[in-house]
Amino acid sequence: MNQKNSFISLLEVLQGGTAFLKKQNIEQPRLNVELLLAHVLNIPRLELYLQFDRMLGEVEKAPLRELLRERGRGVPLQHLLGTTEFFGRTFRSDARGLIPRPETEQLVERALTHHQASRLLDVGTGSGVIAITLALEKPTASIDAIDFSPEALSLAQENAALHNVTNIQWHQGNLLEKQTQSWDLIVANLPYIEAEEIPTLSREVQYDPIMALDGGKKGLVLIQKLIEQAPAGLAAGGRLLLEIGKDQEKEVIKLLEINGYSDILALPDYQGVLRFVEARMLRL
């Protein structure tokens, strides 16, 4: 990567970049370099394998060199590419919103099993991937999305425009405060990490907005508030569906029971962690 004024082959660039990221303790270094190089060259990643002999000069090497430096420092790959994948679709990704985790796709899958739900709310929408995916999968549904961060909402609205989604109403606010509507299903992936744990998280996660990570005491401050607020916003028989942290299911179930929910279920992710809790609000 130091041969600034010479041409070297694409394969040599891949090998050199991989060695550099490996030294920086980046997981899957080869894949990272491939994705970054495909981004710089504006070609599909698999096309790289057909162009190993292609000679690259400073025009191509300079931007890749800078991206590799940033990746080596721990800047998330999604931020460097400007995109992330979720539910088979591409979304914009940057420091304004949490990078969606694979587990959250399962949250959406569970939400989509409730076929009769026509009024849905995504609380703490962040980059908007949950609300937008629900809107695309349920085009006749009426969907609302709330976030406290204006910056996150701006990213969410850019993503909605990217996918030509028009059946979402966006709201800036603190959970359900000042909301007077009712919904058949409220979905939320709220911050659930204890504040004290945040400094111990990986370098990549440190680039997510702190307010999207910090769940306060026991990681449950915002989740508890939503559990307490949601009954007023749920239609009769409406459901609350939450993504939670590992080993939080007992505390969350207790909070739901205290607040009068029924049919409470704790559901596992693909690793067997009880990652989701669902409950129903009955009305007499």
Foldseek 3Di string as FASTA:
>chain_A
DPPQADKDFLLVQLVVQLVLLVVLVDPPRSVLLLVLLCLLVVHDSVVSVVRRRPIDHNSSVVVSVVLSVCVSQPADSLQSSQWDDAPRDIAGDHQQFDRDDNQVNVLLVVVVVPVVWQEEEEEQCQLVPSVLVNCVVRVRGAYEYEHQGPSRVVNNVVRCVVVVGDRYHYYHDQQCPPPQAATQEYEYEAAQDEPVCVVVDGSHNVSHPVRRHHLYVNSCNSVLVNLQPRVSRYDAFGKYKYFYDAPCVVVSVVSNVVNQWDPWDQDAGPVRGSGMIMTTHHDD
